[in-house]
């Protein structure tokens, strides 16, 4: 039974003549299977149907021989000159074998593409899991940093409160040591203060009600004011210390002593008054004090 040429077989299987000739030329005329592999791999190339211009010998890395120069042109005529014409049954049988070979190649290609798709899907899922784990670790780190920041701020706030309390205690001790002699002789003057007897009816209601806290507004010399709530039993020295800690720096860079005055009735508080509770001084539940610079003696 006469065999079809490779070019004829490819044409019988439905490949265009130009594409079949190109496949045979680029595979070095190594057979129909090599040509079919090339055709299936390059069937989606945009230039697959462009004619091959490079001589066959240059593709193979050598100068074409006289037989190769006419290989493509004579491939069709050689069948007619040197081989007998195939009968219809032989042609159908050979075409059937070629089609089976094409189907086998197609199945192999589909299986290979399916394996590659599965591998890409596994890789995509693995990358997604890694990304999710990294995002979760980042969120946990941010939550941990936020908790540490809150603990640090709370510790700093507690430390600041402790420093204020310690400063108040030190200030009280220093003032008691500094004014110890004069403080004992000065308390009598405030005693006669119940002088404005006619206004006693207006002072009775505060005595009937006990206040635990006192809201003090302090007006500074520069026109600004400070407002703070103190315990009713705190000493007036705590208010003065609060003013000294929170008033702005003066132009000279130093801090002059301050004198606390009551707005109405107008009254200048003495050093002895600094040791007296706010409740006893009549500053509960609220009062407005004025800060005046204390002239050095």
Protein backbone atom coordinates (compact mmCIF):
# COMPACT_ATOMS: atom_id res chain seq x y z
CA UNK A 1 0.00 0.00 0.00
CA UNK A 2 1.47 3.31 -1.07
CA UNK A 3 2.06 5.90 1.60
CA UNK A 4 1.06 9.53 1.39
CA UNK A 5 3.78 12.13 1.74
CA UNK A 6 3.95 14.13 4.98
CA UNK A 7 2.65 17.21 3.22
CA UNK A 8 -0.26 15.32 1.66
CA UNK A 9 -1.11 13.69 5.00
CA UNK A 10 -1.24 17.02 6.76
CA UNK A 11 -3.42 18.47 4.01
CA UNK A 12 -5.71 15.42 4.17
CA UNK A 13 -6.12 16.03 7.93
CA UNK A 14 -7.41 19.51 7.20
CA UNK A 15 -4.34 21.70 7.74
CA UNK A 16 -3.87 24.54 5.21
CA UNK A 17 -1.14 23.87 2.67
CA UNK A 18 0.91 26.94 3.61
CA UNK A 19 0.78 26.09 7.31
CA UNK A 20 1.71 22.45 6.64
CA UNK A 21 4.68 23.44 4.45
CA UNK A 22 5.85 25.85 7.13
CA UNK A 23 5.61 23.19 9.85
CA UNK A 24 7.60 20.67 7.80
CA UNK A 25 10.25 23.25 6.94
CA UNK A 26 10.70 24.49 10.52
CA UNK A 27 10.94 20.94 11.90
CA UNK A 28 13.56 19.98 9.34
CA UNK A 29 11.32 17.46 7.52
CA UNK A 30 11.65 15.07 10.48
CA UNK A 31 8.29 13.50 9.96
CA UNK A 32 4.61 14.09 10.29
CA UNK A 33 4.55 13.77 14.09
CA UNK A 34 7.10 16.58 14.57
CA UNK A 35 5.18 18.75 12.11
CA UNK A 36 1.89 18.01 13.88
CA UNK A 37 3.42 18.91 17.27
CA UNK A 38 4.59 22.23 15.85
CA UNK A 39 1.18 22.95 14.31
CA UNK A 40 -0.66 22.25 17.56
CA UNK A 41 1.73 24.34 19.64
CA UNK A 42 1.61 27.32 17.26
CA UNK A 43 -1.99 27.21 16.05
CA UNK A 44 -2.83 30.37 18.02
CA UNK A 45 0.20 32.36 16.85
CA UNK A 46 -0.82 35.51 14.94
CA UNK A 47 1.82 34.86 12.24
CA UNK A 48 1.22 31.12 11.83
CA UNK A 49 -0.17 31.60 8.29
CA UNK A 50 2.57 33.96 7.12
CA UNK A 51 4.78 32.36 4.45
CA UNK A 52 8.23 31.16 5.42
CA UNK A 53 10.85 33.31 3.67
CA UNK A 54 14.06 31.91 5.18
CA UNK A 55 15.64 29.17 3.02
CA UNK A 56 15.42 25.73 4.49
CA UNK A 57 19.21 25.34 4.74
CA UNK A 58 19.55 28.43 6.94
CA UNK A 59 16.94 27.09 9.33
CA UNK A 60 18.81 23.81 9.68
CA UNK A 61 22.11 25.63 10.16
CA UNK A 62 23.69 24.63 6.82
CA UNK A 63 23.47 25.50 3.18
CA UNK A 64 20.54 23.78 1.46
CA UNK A 65 21.37 20.96 -0.88
CA UNK A 66 19.98 20.75 -4.36
CA UNK A 67 17.43 18.20 -3.22
CA UNK A 68 16.35 20.36 -0.25
CA UNK A 69 16.01 23.50 -2.35
CA UNK A 70 13.16 21.94 -4.24
CA UNK A 71 11.90 19.91 -1.29
CA UNK A 72 8.81 21.93 -0.64
CA UNK A 73 8.02 22.50 -4.30
CA UNK A 74 8.63 18.90 -5.22
CA UNK A 75 6.86 17.41 -2.28
CA UNK A 76 3.61 17.47 -4.16
CA UNK A 77 4.99 16.43 -7.52
CA UNK A 78 7.16 13.68 -6.07
CA UNK A 79 4.11 11.83 -4.99
CA UNK A 80 2.85 11.82 -8.52
CA UNK A 81 6.17 10.96 -10.15
CA UNK A 82 7.76 8.37 -7.84
CA UNK A 83 4.80 6.82 -6.01
CA UNK A 84 1.72 5.10 -7.24
CA UNK A 85 -1.60 6.77 -6.77
CA UNK A 86 -3.43 5.60 -3.65
CA UNK A 87 -6.79 3.99 -3.95
CA UNK A 88 -9.74 5.50 -2.16
CA UNK A 89 -9.71 2.81 0.56
CA UNK A 90 -5.96 3.25 1.15
CA UNK A 91 -6.34 7.00 1.32
CA UNK A 92 -9.18 6.69 3.84
CA UNK A 93 -7.19 4.20 5.96
CA UNK A 94 -4.15 6.44 6.05
CA UNK A 95 -6.31 9.47 6.83
CA UNK A 96 -7.93 7.51 9.67
CA UNK A 97 -4.52 6.72 11.18
CA UNK A 98 -3.49 10.36 10.92
CA UNK A 99 -6.72 11.51 12.54
CA UNK A 100 -6.20 9.07 15.39
CA UNK A 101 -2.71 10.44 15.85
CA UNK A 102 -4.07 14.00 15.85
CA UNK A 103 -6.70 13.04 18.44
CA UNK A 104 -4.04 11.43 20.62
CA UNK A 105 -1.89 14.56 20.42
CA UNK A 106 -4.92 16.69 21.25
CA UNK A 107 -5.72 14.55 24.32
CA UNK A 108 -2.13 14.79 25.52
CA UNK A 109 -2.23 18.54 25.10
CA UNK A 110 -5.53 18.86 26.98
CA UNK A 111 -4.22 16.68 29.81
CA UNK A 112 -1.07 18.80 30.03
CA UNK A 113 -3.09 22.03 30.08
CA UNK A 114 -5.41 20.57 32.76
CA UNK A 115 -2.43 19.66 34.95
CA UNK A 116 -0.99 23.13 34.49
CA UNK A 117 -4.35 24.72 35.39
CA UNK A 118 -4.61 22.60 38.53
CA UNK A 119 -1.10 23.59 39.53
CA UNK A 120 -1.88 27.27 38.97
CA UNK A 121 -5.05 26.95 41.10
CA UNK A 122 -3.12 25.27 43.93
CA UNK A 123 -0.51 28.00 43.78
CA UNK A 124 -3.20 30.70 43.80
CA UNK A 125 -4.87 29.17 46.86
CA UNK A 126 -1.54 28.83 48.63
CA UNK A 127 -0.72 32.49 47.95
CA UNK A 128 -4.19 33.51 49.18
CA UNK A 129 -3.70 31.59 52.44
CA UNK A 130 -0.28 33.16 52.95
CA UNK A 131 -1.72 36.63 52.29
CA UNK A 132 -4.58 36.04 54.74
CA UNK A 133 -2.16 34.83 57.42
CA UNK A 134 0.08 37.86 56.88
CA UNK A 135 -2.94 40.20 57.14
CA UNK A 136 -4.04 38.52 60.38
CA UNK A 137 -0.53 38.83 61.85
CA UNK A 138 -0.52 42.52 60.93
CA UNK A 139 -3.86 43.10 62.65
CA UNK A 140 -2.66 41.29 65.78
CA UNK A 141 0.50 43.39 65.84
CA UNK A 142 -1.54 46.60 65.53
CA UNK A 143 -3.87 45.54 68.36
CA UNK A 144 -0.90 44.65 70.55
CA UNK A 145 0.77 47.99 69.86
CA UNK A 146 -2.49 49.84 70.62
CA UNK A 147 -2.86 48.00 73.94
CA UNK A 148 0.74 48.77 74.86
CA UNK A 149 0.19 52.44 73.98
CA UNK A 150 -2.90 52.59 76.20
CA UNK A 151 -1.01 50.98 79.09
CA UNK A 152 1.87 53.40 78.64
CA UNK A 153 -0.45 56.45 78.57
CA UNK A 154 -2.24 55.24 81.69
CA UNK A 155 1.07 54.69 83.49
CA UNK A 156 2.24 58.19 82.48
CA UNK A 157 -1.04 59.71 83.71
CA UNK A 158 -0.74 57.95 87.07
CA UNK A 159 2.87 59.04 87.37
CA UNK A 160 1.91 62.66 86.60
CA UNK A 161 -0.79 62.60 89.27
CA UNK A 162 1.68 61.17 91.76
CA UNK A 163 4.18 63.92 90.94
CA UNK A 164 1.52 66.60 91.50
CA UNK A 165 0.55 65.11 94.85
CA UNK A 166 4.18 64.89 95.91
CA UNK A 167 4.79 68.49 94.85
CA UNK A 168 1.77 69.64 96.86
CA UNK A 169 3.05 67.83 99.93
CA UNK A 170 6.54 69.27 99.49
CA UNK A 171 5.12 72.75 98.98
CA UNK A 172 3.03 72.45 102.12
CA UNK A 173 6.02 71.27 104.12
CA UNK A 174 8.26 74.05 102.79
CA UNK A 175 5.67 76.74 103.50
CA UNK A 176 5.02 75.37 106.98
CA UNK A 177 8.76 75.44 107.68
CA UNK A 178 9.22 78.89 106.12
CA UNK A 179 6.23 80.60 107.69
CA UNK A 180 5.99 78.57 110.85
CA UNK A 181 6.58 81.56 113.17
CA UNK A 182 4.23 83.98 111.50
CA UNK A 183 1.53 81.51 110.71
CA UNK A 184 0.75 81.01 114.38
CA UNK A 185 0.37 84.75 115.00
CA UNK A 186 -1.73 85.48 111.93
CA UNK A 187 -4.75 83.18 112.34
CA UNK A 188 -6.54 85.50 114.83
CA UNK A 189 -7.32 88.21 112.21
CA UNK A 190 -9.61 85.94 110.17
CA UNK A 191 -11.60 85.12 113.34
CA UNK A 192 -13.51 88.41 113.48
CA UNK A 193 -14.68 87.91 109.89
CA UNK A 194 -18.20 87.03 110.97
CA UNK A 195 -18.56 90.84 111.19
CA UNK A 196 -21.15 91.13 108.40
CA UNK A 197 -23.85 89.72 110.66
CA UNK A 198 -26.75 91.13 108.62
CA UNK A 199 -25.79 88.86 105.76
CA UNK A 200 -25.82 85.76 107.95
CA UNK A 201 -29.21 84.60 106.64
CA UNK A 202 -27.70 84.33 103.17
CA UNK A 203 -24.83 82.27 104.53
CA UNK A 204 -26.95 79.75 106.42
CA UNK A 205 -28.02 77.61 103.44
CA UNK A 206 -24.43 76.56 102.59
CA UNK A 207 -23.98 75.44 106.20
CA UNK A 208 -27.08 73.32 105.98
CA UNK A 209 -25.86 71.48 102.90
CA UNK A 210 -22.53 69.71 102.72
CA UNK A 211 -20.61 69.95 99.44
CA UNK A 212 -17.83 67.48 98.63
CA UNK A 213 -16.39 69.40 95.71
CA UNK A 214 -15.63 72.98 94.85
CA UNK A 215 -15.38 74.50 91.36
CA UNK A 216 -12.79 77.29 91.26
CA UNK A 217 -12.30 79.69 88.34
CA UNK A 218 -9.01 81.59 88.45
CA UNK A 219 -8.50 84.71 86.35
CA UNK A 220 -4.88 85.34 85.35
CA UNK A 221 -3.25 88.77 84.88
CA UNK A 222 -3.08 88.28 81.07
CA UNK A 223 -6.87 87.98 80.83
CA UNK A 224 -7.05 84.19 80.49
CA UNK A 225 -8.65 81.94 83.07
CA UNK A 226 -8.22 78.47 84.54
CA UNK A 227 -11.06 76.31 85.85
CA UNK A 228 -10.58 73.25 88.04
CA UNK A 229 -12.60 71.21 90.54
CA UNK A 230 -11.09 70.60 93.98
CA UNK A 231 -12.27 68.71 97.03
CA UNK A 232 -14.07 70.91 99.54
CA UNK A 233 -11.62 69.95 102.27
CA UNK A 234 -8.50 70.71 100.20
CA UNK A 235 -6.40 73.62 101.35
CA UNK A 236 -6.16 76.88 99.43
CA UNK A 237 -2.48 76.05 98.86
CA UNK A 238 -3.60 73.38 96.39
CA UNK A 239 -5.31 76.07 94.28
CA UNK A 240 -2.20 78.26 94.35
CA UNK A 241 0.00 75.31 93.37
CA UNK A 242 -2.37 74.48 90.50
CA UNK A 243 -2.09 78.05 89.23
CA UNK A 244 1.72 78.02 89.51
CA UNK A 245 1.87 74.75 87.52
CA UNK A 246 -0.51 75.78 84.74
CA UNK A 247 0.05 79.49 84.16
CA UNK A 248 2.20 80.39 81.18
CA UNK A 249 5.84 81.37 81.27
CA UNK A 250 6.43 85.06 81.88
CA UNK A 251 8.51 87.14 79.44
CA UNK A 252 11.45 87.28 81.82
CA UNK A 253 11.59 83.51 81.99
CA UNK A 254 11.04 83.39 85.77
CA UNK A 255 7.91 82.79 87.85
CA UNK A 256 7.03 85.48 90.41
CA UNK A 257 4.98 84.56 93.50
CA UNK A 258 1.24 84.97 93.08
CA UNK A 259 -1.35 86.51 95.37
CA UNK A 260 -4.88 85.11 95.37
CA UNK A 261 -7.77 87.55 95.75
CA UNK A 262 -11.48 86.92 96.02
CA UNK A 263 -13.68 88.85 93.63
CA UNK A 264 -16.64 89.77 95.85
CA UNK A 265 -16.30 90.68 98.60
CA UNK A 266 -12.77 91.67 97.68
CA UNK A 267 -10.26 90.02 99.92
CA UNK A 268 -6.56 89.15 99.75
CA UNK A 269 -5.73 85.71 101.13
CA UNK A 270 -2.75 85.53 103.49
CA UNK A 271 -0.21 82.77 103.98
CA UNK A 272 -2.22 81.59 106.94
CA UNK A 273 -5.25 81.20 104.69
CA UNK A 274 -3.24 78.86 102.44
CA UNK A 275 -3.44 76.18 105.13
CA UNK A 276 -7.21 76.50 105.56
CA UNK A 277 -9.74 74.31 103.69
CA UNK A 278 -11.73 75.80 100.83
CA UNK A 279 -14.95 75.01 102.68
CA UNK A 280 -13.84 77.02 105.68
CA UNK A 281 -12.90 80.00 103.50
CA UNK A 282 -16.41 80.14 102.01
CA UNK A 283 -15.32 79.08 98.49
CA UNK A 284 -17.74 76.13 98.30
CA UNK A 285 -19.53 75.15 96.05
CA UNK A 286 -17.95 77.57 93.54
CA UNK A 287 -15.89 80.72 93.54
CA UNK A 288 -13.96 83.11 91.31
CA UNK A 289 -10.42 84.03 92.34
CA UNK A 290 -8.12 86.65 90.86
CA UNK A 291 -4.37 86.21 90.53
CA UNK A 292 -2.28 89.29 91.25
CA UNK A 293 1.47 89.43 91.18
CA UNK A 294 2.85 89.33 94.67
CA UNK A 295 5.21 92.24 95.17
CA UNK A 296 8.45 91.04 96.72
CA UNK A 297 9.11 92.60 100.09
